[in-house]
Full PDB file with SEQRES, HELIX, SHEET, SSBOND, CRYST1, ORIGX, SCALE, CONECT and MASTER records, all heavy atoms in Angstrom:
SEQRES   1 A   41  ARG LEU ASN GLY ILE ASP GLY ILE GLU ALA ALA LYS GLU          
SEQRES   2 A   41  HIS TYR ALA PHE CYS ASN ASP ARG ILE ASP GLN GLY THR          
SEQRES   3 A   41  ARG THR TYR ARG LEU SER GLU LEU ALA ALA GLY LEU ALA          
SEQRES   4 A   41  ASP SER                                                      
HELIX    1 AA1 GLY A    7  PHE A   17  1                                  11    
HELIX    2 AA2 ASP A   20  ASP A   23  1                                   4    
HELIX    3 AA3 LEU A   31  LEU A   38  1                                   8    
CRYST1    1.000    1.000    1.000  90.00  90.00  90.00 P 1           1          
ORIGX1      1.000000  0.000000  0.000000        0.00000                         
ORIGX2      0.000000  1.000000  0.000000        0.00000                         
ORIGX3      0.000000  0.000000  1.000000        0.00000                         
SCALE1      1.000000  0.000000  0.000000        0.00000                         
SCALE2      0.000000  1.000000  0.000000        0.00000                         
SCALE3      0.000000  0.000000  1.000000        0.00000                         
ATOM      1  N   ARG A   1       6.398  -5.500  10.423  1.00  0.00           N  
ATOM      2  CA  ARG A   1       6.088  -4.676   9.341  1.00  0.00           C  
ATOM      3  C   ARG A   1       6.096  -5.339   8.092  1.00  0.00           C  
ATOM      4  O   ARG A   1       5.410  -6.318   8.019  1.00  0.00           O  
ATOM      5  CB  ARG A   1       6.923  -3.486   9.533  1.00  0.00           C  
ATOM      6  CG  ARG A   1       6.857  -2.731  10.839  1.00  0.00           C  
ATOM      7  CD  ARG A   1       7.597  -1.527  11.062  1.00  0.00           C  
ATOM      8  NE  ARG A   1       7.372  -1.012  12.412  1.00  0.00           N  
ATOM      9  CZ  ARG A   1       7.861   0.118  12.922  1.00  0.00           C  
ATOM     10  NH1 ARG A   1       8.602   0.940  12.199  1.00  0.00           N  
ATOM     11  NH2 ARG A   1       7.551   0.427  14.137  1.00  0.00           N  
ATOM     12  N   LEU A   2       6.916  -4.877   7.087  1.00  0.00           N  
ATOM     13  CA  LEU A   2       6.846  -5.632   5.789  1.00  0.00           C  
ATOM     14  C   LEU A   2       7.856  -6.819   5.807  1.00  0.00           C  
ATOM     15  O   LEU A   2       8.105  -7.452   4.724  1.00  0.00           O  
ATOM     16  CB  LEU A   2       7.104  -4.693   4.700  1.00  0.00           C  
ATOM     17  CG  LEU A   2       6.064  -3.570   4.393  1.00  0.00           C  
ATOM     18  CD1 LEU A   2       6.381  -2.811   3.172  1.00  0.00           C  
ATOM     19  CD2 LEU A   2       4.644  -4.313   4.243  1.00  0.00           C  
ATOM     20  N   ASN A   3       8.489  -7.045   6.871  1.00  0.00           N  
ATOM     21  CA  ASN A   3       9.304  -8.216   6.954  1.00  0.00           C  
ATOM     22  C   ASN A   3      10.342  -8.218   5.800  1.00  0.00           C  
ATOM     23  O   ASN A   3      10.724  -9.458   5.333  1.00  0.00           O  
ATOM     24  CB  ASN A   3       8.661  -9.575   6.921  1.00  0.00           C  
ATOM     25  CG  ASN A   3       9.360 -10.742   7.483  1.00  0.00           C  
ATOM     26  OD1 ASN A   3      10.269 -10.652   8.226  1.00  0.00           O  
ATOM     27  ND2 ASN A   3       9.021 -11.874   6.991  1.00  0.00           N  
ATOM     28  N   GLY A   4      10.926  -7.147   5.456  1.00  0.00           N  
ATOM     29  CA  GLY A   4      11.858  -7.031   4.305  1.00  0.00           C  
ATOM     30  C   GLY A   4      11.289  -7.178   2.773  1.00  0.00           C  
ATOM     31  O   GLY A   4      12.059  -7.079   1.894  1.00  0.00           O  
ATOM     32  N   ILE A   5       9.962  -7.277   2.692  1.00  0.00           N  
ATOM     33  CA  ILE A   5       9.436  -7.340   1.307  1.00  0.00           C  
ATOM     34  C   ILE A   5       9.200  -5.945   0.872  1.00  0.00           C  
ATOM     35  O   ILE A   5       9.083  -4.896   1.495  1.00  0.00           O  
ATOM     36  CB  ILE A   5       7.904  -7.943   1.494  1.00  0.00           C  
ATOM     37  CG1 ILE A   5       8.071  -9.307   2.181  1.00  0.00           C  
ATOM     38  CG2 ILE A   5       7.291  -7.994   0.064  1.00  0.00           C  
ATOM     39  CD1 ILE A   5       8.949 -10.328   1.533  1.00  0.00           C  
ATOM     40  N   ASP A   6       9.381  -5.883  -0.540  1.00  0.00           N  
ATOM     41  CA  ASP A   6       9.337  -4.444  -1.227  1.00  0.00           C  
ATOM     42  C   ASP A   6       7.927  -3.879  -1.028  1.00  0.00           C  
ATOM     43  O   ASP A   6       6.930  -4.653  -1.011  1.00  0.00           O  
ATOM     44  CB  ASP A   6       9.552  -4.834  -2.666  1.00  0.00           C  
ATOM     45  CG  ASP A   6       9.264  -3.572  -3.492  1.00  0.00           C  
ATOM     46  OD1 ASP A   6      10.184  -2.649  -3.473  1.00  0.00           O  
ATOM     47  OD2 ASP A   6       8.205  -3.453  -4.266  1.00  0.00           O  
ATOM     48  N   GLY A   7       7.957  -2.501  -0.769  1.00  0.00           N  
ATOM     49  CA  GLY A   7       6.641  -1.982  -0.431  1.00  0.00           C  
ATOM     50  C   GLY A   7       5.728  -1.815  -1.502  1.00  0.00           C  
ATOM     51  O   GLY A   7       4.436  -1.984  -1.247  1.00  0.00           O  
ATOM     52  N   ILE A   8       6.103  -1.784  -2.814  1.00  0.00           N  
ATOM     53  CA  ILE A   8       5.125  -1.740  -3.865  1.00  0.00           C  
ATOM     54  C   ILE A   8       4.529  -3.193  -4.150  1.00  0.00           C  
ATOM     55  O   ILE A   8       3.300  -3.196  -4.250  1.00  0.00           O  
ATOM     56  CB  ILE A   8       5.906  -1.396  -5.089  1.00  0.00           C  
ATOM     57  CG1 ILE A   8       6.300   0.157  -5.130  1.00  0.00           C  
ATOM     58  CG2 ILE A   8       4.789  -1.675  -6.349  1.00  0.00           C  
ATOM     59  CD1 ILE A   8       5.116   1.111  -5.099  1.00  0.00           C  
ATOM     60  N   GLU A   9       5.290  -4.255  -3.764  1.00  0.00           N  
ATOM     61  CA  GLU A   9       4.721  -5.532  -3.847  1.00  0.00           C  
ATOM     62  C   GLU A   9       3.680  -5.655  -2.834  1.00  0.00           C  
ATOM     63  O   GLU A   9       2.610  -6.185  -3.116  1.00  0.00           O  
ATOM     64  CB  GLU A   9       5.810  -6.497  -3.693  1.00  0.00           C  
ATOM     65  CG  GLU A   9       5.388  -7.970  -3.644  1.00  0.00           C  
ATOM     66  CD  GLU A   9       6.442  -9.025  -3.404  1.00  0.00           C  
ATOM     67  OE1 GLU A   9       7.675  -8.611  -3.679  1.00  0.00           O  
ATOM     68  OE2 GLU A   9       6.221 -10.121  -3.055  1.00  0.00           O  
ATOM     69  N   ALA A  10       3.903  -5.140  -1.732  1.00  0.00           N  
ATOM     70  CA  ALA A  10       2.981  -5.322  -0.532  1.00  0.00           C  
ATOM     71  C   ALA A  10       1.747  -4.393  -0.918  1.00  0.00           C  
ATOM     72  O   ALA A  10       0.598  -4.946  -0.599  1.00  0.00           O  
ATOM     73  CB  ALA A  10       3.600  -4.869   0.790  1.00  0.00           C  
ATOM     74  N   ALA A  11       1.947  -3.307  -1.389  1.00  0.00           N  
ATOM     75  CA  ALA A  11       0.823  -2.340  -1.707  1.00  0.00           C  
ATOM     76  C   ALA A  11      -0.107  -3.027  -2.781  1.00  0.00           C  
ATOM     77  O   ALA A  11      -1.356  -2.819  -2.656  1.00  0.00           O  
ATOM     78  CB  ALA A  11       1.355  -1.063  -2.127  1.00  0.00           C  
ATOM     79  N   LYS A  12       0.403  -3.650  -3.823  1.00  0.00           N  
ATOM     80  CA  LYS A  12      -0.342  -4.313  -4.693  1.00  0.00           C  
ATOM     81  C   LYS A  12      -1.306  -5.364  -4.107  1.00  0.00           C  
ATOM     82  O   LYS A  12      -2.474  -5.574  -4.345  1.00  0.00           O  
ATOM     83  CB  LYS A  12       0.587  -5.082  -5.793  1.00  0.00           C  
ATOM     84  CG  LYS A  12       1.166  -4.031  -6.776  1.00  0.00           C  
ATOM     85  CD  LYS A  12       2.079  -4.745  -7.671  1.00  0.00           C  
ATOM     86  CE  LYS A  12       2.663  -3.812  -8.742  1.00  0.00           C  
ATOM     87  NZ  LYS A  12       3.477  -4.563  -9.664  1.00  0.00           N  
ATOM     88  N   GLU A  13      -0.668  -6.087  -3.061  1.00  0.00           N  
ATOM     89  CA  GLU A  13      -1.501  -7.127  -2.431  1.00  0.00           C  
ATOM     90  C   GLU A  13      -2.611  -6.428  -1.527  1.00  0.00           C  
ATOM     91  O   GLU A  13      -3.746  -7.028  -1.484  1.00  0.00           O  
ATOM     92  CB  GLU A  13      -0.604  -8.072  -1.597  1.00  0.00           C  
ATOM     93  CG  GLU A  13       0.414  -8.887  -2.505  1.00  0.00           C  
ATOM     94  CD  GLU A  13       1.281  -9.778  -1.558  1.00  0.00           C  
ATOM     95  OE1 GLU A  13       1.309  -9.667  -0.407  1.00  0.00           O  
ATOM     96  OE2 GLU A  13       1.974 -10.613  -2.225  1.00  0.00           O  
ATOM     97  N   HIS A  14      -2.288  -5.360  -0.908  1.00  0.00           N  
ATOM     98  CA  HIS A  14      -3.313  -4.690  -0.191  1.00  0.00           C  
ATOM     99  C   HIS A  14      -4.385  -4.217  -1.065  1.00  0.00           C  
ATOM    100  O   HIS A  14      -5.663  -4.266  -0.605  1.00  0.00           O  
ATOM    101  CB  HIS A  14      -2.663  -3.565   0.644  1.00  0.00           C  
ATOM    102  CG  HIS A  14      -1.893  -3.956   1.862  1.00  0.00           C  
ATOM    103  ND1 HIS A  14      -1.922  -3.308   2.992  1.00  0.00           N  
ATOM    104  CD2 HIS A  14      -1.033  -5.064   2.115  1.00  0.00           C  
ATOM    105  CE1 HIS A  14      -1.207  -3.978   3.974  1.00  0.00           C  
ATOM    106  NE2 HIS A  14      -0.725  -5.019   3.336  1.00  0.00           N  
ATOM    107  N   TYR A  15      -4.033  -3.712  -2.158  1.00  0.00           N  
ATOM    108  CA  TYR A  15      -5.093  -3.131  -3.117  1.00  0.00           C  
ATOM    109  C   TYR A  15      -6.006  -4.178  -3.575  1.00  0.00           C  
ATOM    110  O   TYR A  15      -7.107  -4.116  -3.672  1.00  0.00           O  
ATOM    111  CB  TYR A  15      -4.330  -2.417  -4.253  1.00  0.00           C  
ATOM    112  CG  TYR A  15      -5.292  -1.766  -5.262  1.00  0.00           C  
ATOM    113  CD1 TYR A  15      -6.060  -0.762  -4.989  1.00  0.00           C  
ATOM    114  CD2 TYR A  15      -5.318  -2.403  -6.668  1.00  0.00           C  
ATOM    115  CE1 TYR A  15      -6.933  -0.194  -5.966  1.00  0.00           C  
ATOM    116  CE2 TYR A  15      -6.171  -1.931  -7.527  1.00  0.00           C  
ATOM    117  CZ  TYR A  15      -7.017  -0.802  -7.314  1.00  0.00           C  
ATOM    118  OH  TYR A  15      -7.842  -0.235  -8.316  1.00  0.00           O  
ATOM    119  N   ALA A  16      -5.311  -5.449  -3.833  1.00  0.00           N  
ATOM    120  CA  ALA A  16      -6.033  -6.489  -4.337  1.00  0.00           C  
ATOM    121  C   ALA A  16      -6.957  -7.122  -3.305  1.00  0.00           C  
ATOM    122  O   ALA A  16      -8.089  -7.497  -3.479  1.00  0.00           O  
ATOM    123  CB  ALA A  16      -5.116  -7.714  -4.885  1.00  0.00           C  
ATOM    124  N   PHE A  17      -6.550  -6.977  -2.046  1.00  0.00           N  
ATOM    125  CA  PHE A  17      -7.444  -7.600  -0.879  1.00  0.00           C  
ATOM    126  C   PHE A  17      -8.605  -6.524  -0.791  1.00  0.00           C  
ATOM    127  O   PHE A  17      -9.695  -6.916  -0.468  1.00  0.00           O  
ATOM    128  CB  PHE A  17      -6.556  -7.537   0.281  1.00  0.00           C  
ATOM    129  CG  PHE A  17      -7.241  -8.143   1.602  1.00  0.00           C  
ATOM    130  CD1 PHE A  17      -7.674  -9.475   1.487  1.00  0.00           C  
ATOM    131  CD2 PHE A  17      -7.329  -7.460   2.793  1.00  0.00           C  
ATOM    132  CE1 PHE A  17      -8.361 -10.004   2.727  1.00  0.00           C  
ATOM    133  CE2 PHE A  17      -7.847  -7.913   3.790  1.00  0.00           C  
ATOM    134  CZ  PHE A  17      -8.395  -9.341   3.846  1.00  0.00           C  
ATOM    135  N   CYS A  18      -8.293  -5.182  -0.788  1.00  0.00           N  
ATOM    136  CA  CYS A  18      -9.245  -4.181  -0.530  1.00  0.00           C  
ATOM    137  C   CYS A  18      -8.976  -2.973  -1.429  1.00  0.00           C  
ATOM    138  O   CYS A  18      -8.209  -2.056  -1.026  1.00  0.00           O  
ATOM    139  CB  CYS A  18      -9.316  -3.939   0.960  1.00  0.00           C  
ATOM    140  SG  CYS A  18     -10.450  -2.538   1.342  1.00  0.00           S  
ATOM    141  N   ASN A  19      -9.708  -2.772  -2.617  1.00  0.00           N  
ATOM    142  CA  ASN A  19      -9.277  -1.649  -3.472  1.00  0.00           C  
ATOM    143  C   ASN A  19      -9.485  -0.355  -2.827  1.00  0.00           C  
ATOM    144  O   ASN A  19      -9.016   0.608  -3.157  1.00  0.00           O  
ATOM    145  CB  ASN A  19     -10.010  -1.842  -4.834  1.00  0.00           C  
ATOM    146  CG  ASN A  19     -11.430  -1.850  -4.696  1.00  0.00           C  
ATOM    147  OD1 ASN A  19     -12.059  -2.232  -3.745  1.00  0.00           O  
ATOM    148  ND2 ASN A  19     -11.982  -1.664  -5.980  1.00  0.00           N  
ATOM    149  N   ASP A  20     -10.635  -0.295  -1.988  1.00  0.00           N  
ATOM    150  CA  ASP A  20     -10.846   0.898  -1.262  1.00  0.00           C  
ATOM    151  C   ASP A  20      -9.660   1.451  -0.320  1.00  0.00           C  
ATOM    152  O   ASP A  20      -9.609   2.571  -0.016  1.00  0.00           O  
ATOM    153  CB  ASP A  20     -11.923   0.932  -0.326  1.00  0.00           C  
ATOM    154  CG  ASP A  20     -13.305   0.990  -1.122  1.00  0.00           C  
ATOM    155  OD1 ASP A  20     -13.183   1.563  -2.343  1.00  0.00           O  
ATOM    156  OD2 ASP A  20     -14.382   0.629  -0.780  1.00  0.00           O  
ATOM    157  N   ARG A  21      -8.698   0.506  -0.138  1.00  0.00           N  
ATOM    158  CA  ARG A  21      -7.468   0.899   0.754  1.00  0.00           C  
ATOM    159  C   ARG A  21      -6.731   2.043  -0.028  1.00  0.00           C  
ATOM    160  O   ARG A  21      -6.122   2.926   0.688  1.00  0.00           O  
ATOM    161  CB  ARG A  21      -6.594  -0.171   0.995  1.00  0.00           C  
ATOM    162  CG  ARG A  21      -5.374   0.084   1.830  1.00  0.00           C  
ATOM    163  CD  ARG A  21      -5.819   0.520   3.187  1.00  0.00           C  
ATOM    164  NE  ARG A  21      -4.763   1.100   3.922  1.00  0.00           N  
ATOM    165  CZ  ARG A  21      -4.206   2.197   3.917  1.00  0.00           C  
ATOM    166  NH1 ARG A  21      -4.713   3.180   3.134  1.00  0.00           N  
ATOM    167  NH2 ARG A  21      -3.186   2.624   4.792  1.00  0.00           N  
ATOM    168  N   ILE A  22      -6.793   2.005  -1.319  1.00  0.00           N  
ATOM    169  CA  ILE A  22      -6.158   3.078  -2.170  1.00  0.00           C  
ATOM    170  C   ILE A  22      -7.224   4.002  -2.569  1.00  0.00           C  
ATOM    171  O   ILE A  22      -7.080   5.265  -2.546  1.00  0.00           O  
ATOM    172  CB  ILE A  22      -5.291   2.577  -3.335  1.00  0.00           C  
ATOM    173  CG1 ILE A  22      -4.140   1.959  -2.730  1.00  0.00           C  
ATOM    174  CG2 ILE A  22      -5.008   3.617  -4.297  1.00  0.00           C  
ATOM    175  CD1 ILE A  22      -3.200   1.343  -3.699  1.00  0.00           C  
ATOM    176  N   ASP A  23      -8.263   3.438  -3.265  1.00  0.00           N  
ATOM    177  CA  ASP A  23      -9.372   4.371  -3.879  1.00  0.00           C  
ATOM    178  C   ASP A  23      -9.994   5.375  -2.832  1.00  0.00           C  
ATOM    179  O   ASP A  23     -10.373   6.423  -3.355  1.00  0.00           O  
ATOM    180  CB  ASP A  23     -10.371   3.421  -4.521  1.00  0.00           C  
ATOM    181  CG  ASP A  23      -9.820   2.615  -5.645  1.00  0.00           C  
ATOM    182  OD1 ASP A  23      -8.725   2.988  -6.131  1.00  0.00           O  
ATOM    183  OD2 ASP A  23     -10.578   1.720  -6.044  1.00  0.00           O  
ATOM    184  N   GLN A  24     -10.099   5.104  -1.649  1.00  0.00           N  
ATOM    185  CA  GLN A  24     -10.643   5.897  -0.644  1.00  0.00           C  
ATOM    186  C   GLN A  24      -9.783   6.175   0.539  1.00  0.00           C  
ATOM    187  O   GLN A  24     -10.106   6.894   1.404  1.00  0.00           O  
ATOM    188  CB  GLN A  24     -12.011   5.330  -0.157  1.00  0.00           C  
ATOM    189  CG  GLN A  24     -13.107   5.062  -1.202  1.00  0.00           C  
ATOM    190  CD  GLN A  24     -14.466   4.872  -0.585  1.00  0.00           C  
ATOM    191  OE1 GLN A  24     -14.969   5.759   0.201  1.00  0.00           O  
ATOM    192  NE2 GLN A  24     -15.112   3.916  -0.948  1.00  0.00           N  
ATOM    193  N   GLY A  25      -8.609   5.491   0.505  1.00  0.00           N  
ATOM    194  CA  GLY A  25      -7.755   5.688   1.747  1.00  0.00           C  
ATOM    195  C   GLY A  25      -6.420   6.445   1.477  1.00  0.00           C  
ATOM    196  O   GLY A  25      -5.581   6.350   2.461  1.00  0.00           O  
ATOM    197  N   THR A  26      -6.184   6.882   0.261  1.00  0.00           N  
ATOM    198  CA  THR A  26      -5.098   7.743   0.074  1.00  0.00           C  
ATOM    199  C   THR A  26      -5.321   9.064  -0.477  1.00  0.00           C  
ATOM    200  O   THR A  26      -6.505   9.194  -1.092  1.00  0.00           O  
ATOM    201  CB  THR A  26      -4.051   6.892  -0.899  1.00  0.00           C  
ATOM    202  OG1 THR A  26      -4.786   6.754  -2.233  1.00  0.00           O  
ATOM    203  CG2 THR A  26      -3.732   5.534  -0.340  1.00  0.00           C  
ATOM    204  N   ARG A  27      -4.370   9.964  -0.536  1.00  0.00           N  
ATOM    205  CA  ARG A  27      -4.572  11.251  -1.111  1.00  0.00           C  
ATOM    206  C   ARG A  27      -4.387  11.234  -2.622  1.00  0.00           C  
ATOM    207  O   ARG A  27      -4.948  11.981  -3.430  1.00  0.00           O  
ATOM    208  CB  ARG A  27      -3.696  12.265  -0.444  1.00  0.00           C  
ATOM    209  CG  ARG A  27      -4.225  12.587   1.106  1.00  0.00           C  
ATOM    210  CD  ARG A  27      -3.236  13.533   1.791  1.00  0.00           C  
ATOM    211  NE  ARG A  27      -1.998  12.613   2.138  1.00  0.00           N  
ATOM    212  CZ  ARG A  27      -1.829  12.063   3.226  1.00  0.00           C  
ATOM    213  NH1 ARG A  27      -2.933  11.888   3.989  1.00  0.00           N  
ATOM    214  NH2 ARG A  27      -0.794  11.394   3.401  1.00  0.00           N  
ATOM    215  N   THR A  28      -3.425  10.416  -3.109  1.00  0.00           N  
ATOM    216  CA  THR A  28      -2.901  10.495  -4.471  1.00  0.00           C  
ATOM    217  C   THR A  28      -3.410   9.296  -5.343  1.00  0.00           C  
ATOM    218  O   THR A  28      -3.342   9.378  -6.501  1.00  0.00           O  
ATOM    219  CB  THR A  28      -1.376  10.363  -4.508  1.00  0.00           C  
ATOM    220  OG1 THR A  28      -0.961   9.078  -3.978  1.00  0.00           O  
ATOM    221  CG2 THR A  28      -0.785  11.437  -3.664  1.00  0.00           C  
ATOM    222  N   TYR A  29      -4.115   8.354  -4.690  1.00  0.00           N  
ATOM    223  CA  TYR A  29      -4.717   7.157  -5.340  1.00  0.00           C  
ATOM    224  C   TYR A  29      -3.622   6.403  -6.082  1.00  0.00           C  
ATOM    225  O   TYR A  29      -3.861   5.914  -7.021  1.00  0.00           O  
ATOM    226  CB  TYR A  29      -5.774   7.601  -6.313  1.00  0.00           C  
ATOM    227  CG  TYR A  29      -6.829   8.582  -5.785  1.00  0.00           C  
ATOM    228  CD1 TYR A  29      -6.876   9.861  -6.279  1.00  0.00           C  
ATOM    229  CD2 TYR A  29      -7.681   8.168  -4.694  1.00  0.00           C  
ATOM    230  CE1 TYR A  29      -7.756  10.795  -5.700  1.00  0.00           C  
ATOM    231  CE2 TYR A  29      -8.548   9.097  -4.123  1.00  0.00           C  
ATOM    232  CZ  TYR A  29      -8.633  10.393  -4.679  1.00  0.00           C  
ATOM    233  OH  TYR A  29      -9.411  11.288  -4.106  1.00  0.00           O  
ATOM    234  N   ARG A  30      -2.395   6.259  -5.443  1.00  0.00           N  
ATOM    235  CA  ARG A  30      -1.291   5.490  -5.998  1.00  0.00           C  
ATOM    236  C   ARG A  30      -0.707   4.582  -5.067  1.00  0.00           C  
ATOM    237  O   ARG A  30      -0.761   4.755  -3.851  1.00  0.00           O  
ATOM    238  CB  ARG A  30      -0.186   6.578  -6.404  1.00  0.00           C  
ATOM    239  CG  ARG A  30      -0.610   7.473  -7.586  1.00  0.00           C  
ATOM    240  CD  ARG A  30       0.452   8.509  -7.855  1.00  0.00           C  
ATOM    241  NE  ARG A  30       0.175   9.197  -9.088  1.00  0.00           N  
ATOM    242  CZ  ARG A  30       0.716  10.330  -9.438  1.00  0.00           C  
ATOM    243  NH1 ARG A  30       1.655  10.943  -8.664  1.00  0.00           N  
ATOM    244  NH2 ARG A  30       0.388  10.934 -10.597  1.00  0.00           N  
ATOM    245  N   LEU A  31      -0.250   3.471  -5.712  1.00  0.00           N  
ATOM    246  CA  LEU A  31       0.399   2.421  -4.876  1.00  0.00           C  
ATOM    247  C   LEU A  31       1.530   2.820  -4.053  1.00  0.00           C  
ATOM    248  O   LEU A  31       1.653   2.407  -2.884  1.00  0.00           O  
ATOM    249  CB  LEU A  31       0.802   1.266  -5.845  1.00  0.00           C  
ATOM    250  CG  LEU A  31      -0.232   0.458  -6.547  1.00  0.00           C  
ATOM    251  CD1 LEU A  31       0.434  -0.433  -7.603  1.00  0.00           C  
ATOM    252  CD2 LEU A  31      -0.963  -0.568  -5.566  1.00  0.00           C  
ATOM    253  N   SER A  32       2.300   3.782  -4.618  1.00  0.00           N  
ATOM    254  CA  SER A  32       3.579   4.296  -3.930  1.00  0.00           C  
ATOM    255  C   SER A  32       3.198   5.002  -2.641  1.00  0.00           C  
ATOM    256  O   SER A  32       3.967   4.974  -1.650  1.00  0.00           O  
ATOM    257  CB  SER A  32       4.361   5.116  -4.881  1.00  0.00           C  
ATOM    258  OG  SER A  32       3.511   6.142  -5.372  1.00  0.00           O  
ATOM    259  N   GLU A  33       2.065   5.681  -2.590  1.00  0.00           N  
ATOM    260  CA  GLU A  33       1.807   6.477  -1.273  1.00  0.00           C  
ATOM    261  C   GLU A  33       1.483   5.323  -0.213  1.00  0.00           C  
ATOM    262  O   GLU A  33       1.978   5.492   0.838  1.00  0.00           O  
ATOM    263  CB  GLU A  33       0.443   7.236  -1.513  1.00  0.00           C  
ATOM    264  CG  GLU A  33       0.066   7.989  -0.165  1.00  0.00           C  
ATOM    265  CD  GLU A  33      -1.173   8.733  -0.275  1.00  0.00           C  
ATOM    266  OE1 GLU A  33      -1.519   9.220  -1.392  1.00  0.00           O  
ATOM    267  OE2 GLU A  33      -1.807   8.907   0.705  1.00  0.00           O  
ATOM    268  N   LEU A  34       0.620   4.314  -0.570  1.00  0.00           N  
ATOM    269  CA  LEU A  34       0.450   3.217   0.418  1.00  0.00           C  
ATOM    270  C   LEU A  34       1.745   2.471   0.755  1.00  0.00           C  
ATOM    271  O   LEU A  34       1.938   2.259   1.843  1.00  0.00           O  
ATOM    272  CB  LEU A  34      -0.541   2.189  -0.211  1.00  0.00           C  
ATOM    273  CG  LEU A  34      -0.921   0.962   0.700  1.00  0.00           C  
ATOM    274  CD1 LEU A  34      -1.537   1.321   2.076  1.00  0.00           C  
ATOM    275  CD2 LEU A  34      -1.882   0.108  -0.036  1.00  0.00           C  
ATOM    276  N   ALA A  35       2.580   2.241  -0.143  1.00  0.00           N  
ATOM    277  CA  ALA A  35       3.879   1.682   0.060  1.00  0.00           C  
ATOM    278  C   ALA A  35       4.707   2.323   1.076  1.00  0.00           C  
ATOM    279  O   ALA A  35       5.314   1.760   1.973  1.00  0.00           O  
ATOM    280  CB  ALA A  35       4.533   1.216  -1.219  1.00  0.00           C  
ATOM    281  N   ALA A  36       4.725   3.609   0.930  1.00  0.00           N  
ATOM    282  CA  ALA A  36       5.605   4.497   1.772  1.00  0.00           C  
ATOM    283  C   ALA A  36       5.060   4.413   3.194  1.00  0.00           C  
ATOM    284  O   ALA A  36       5.889   4.358   4.045  1.00  0.00           O  
ATOM    285  CB  ALA A  36       5.610   5.910   1.156  1.00  0.00           C  
ATOM    286  N   GLY A  37       3.828   4.413   3.406  1.00  0.00           N  
ATOM    287  CA  GLY A  37       3.329   4.281   4.702  1.00  0.00           C  
ATOM    288  C   GLY A  37       3.448   2.852   5.270  1.00  0.00           C  
ATOM    289  O   GLY A  37       3.738   2.785   6.484  1.00  0.00           O  
ATOM    290  N   LEU A  38       3.313   1.830   4.500  1.00  0.00           N  
ATOM    291  CA  LEU A  38       3.454   0.443   4.927  1.00  0.00           C  
ATOM    292  C   LEU A  38       4.781   0.155   5.456  1.00  0.00           C  
ATOM    293  O   LEU A  38       5.084  -0.651   6.490  1.00  0.00           O  
ATOM    294  CB  LEU A  38       3.066  -0.487   3.940  1.00  0.00           C  
ATOM    295  CG  LEU A  38       1.610  -0.639   3.531  1.00  0.00           C  
ATOM    296  CD1 LEU A  38       1.348  -1.662   2.285  1.00  0.00           C  
ATOM    297  CD2 LEU A  38       0.755  -1.168   4.765  1.00  0.00           C  
ATOM    298  N   ALA A  39       5.845   0.839   4.963  1.00  0.00           N  
ATOM    299  CA  ALA A  39       7.207   0.550   5.327  1.00  0.00           C  
ATOM    300  C   ALA A  39       7.381   0.741   6.858  1.00  0.00           C  
ATOM    301  O   ALA A  39       8.220   0.164   7.456  1.00  0.00           O  
ATOM    302  CB  ALA A  39       8.203   1.442   4.448  1.00  0.00           C  
ATOM    303  N   ASP A  40       6.586   1.674   7.472  1.00  0.00           N  
ATOM    304  CA  ASP A  40       6.808   2.021   8.901  1.00  0.00           C  
ATOM    305  C   ASP A  40       5.544   1.707   9.574  1.00  0.00           C  
ATOM    306  O   ASP A  40       5.292   2.433  10.650  1.00  0.00           O  
ATOM    307  CB  ASP A  40       7.288   3.416   9.061  1.00  0.00           C  
ATOM    308  CG  ASP A  40       7.841   3.743  10.316  1.00  0.00           C  
ATOM    309  OD1 ASP A  40       8.421   2.738  11.090  1.00  0.00           O  
ATOM    310  OD2 ASP A  40       7.629   4.853  10.891  1.00  0.00           O  
ATOM    311  N   SER A  41       4.690   0.881   9.181  1.00  0.00           N  
ATOM    312  CA  SER A  41       3.392   0.585   9.836  1.00  0.00           C  
ATOM    313  C   SER A  41       3.377  -0.843  10.364  1.00  0.00           C  
ATOM    314  O   SER A  41       3.868  -1.715   9.733  1.00  0.00           O  
ATOM    315  CB  SER A  41       2.197   0.745   8.881  1.00  0.00           C  
ATOM    316  OG  SER A  41       1.999   2.135   8.413  1.00  0.00           O  
TER     317      SER A  41                                                      
MASTER        0    0    0    3    0    0    0    6  316    1    0    4          
END                                                                             
């Protein structure tokens, strides 16, 4: 999973890699929503 890394830090990297991961892949269009899911993905 996130290997102990902070979820917001990881979410920023995911957004940088693919901005549609948040812009089209979340309900709130926020980093924290993605981070919350990544913690257990």
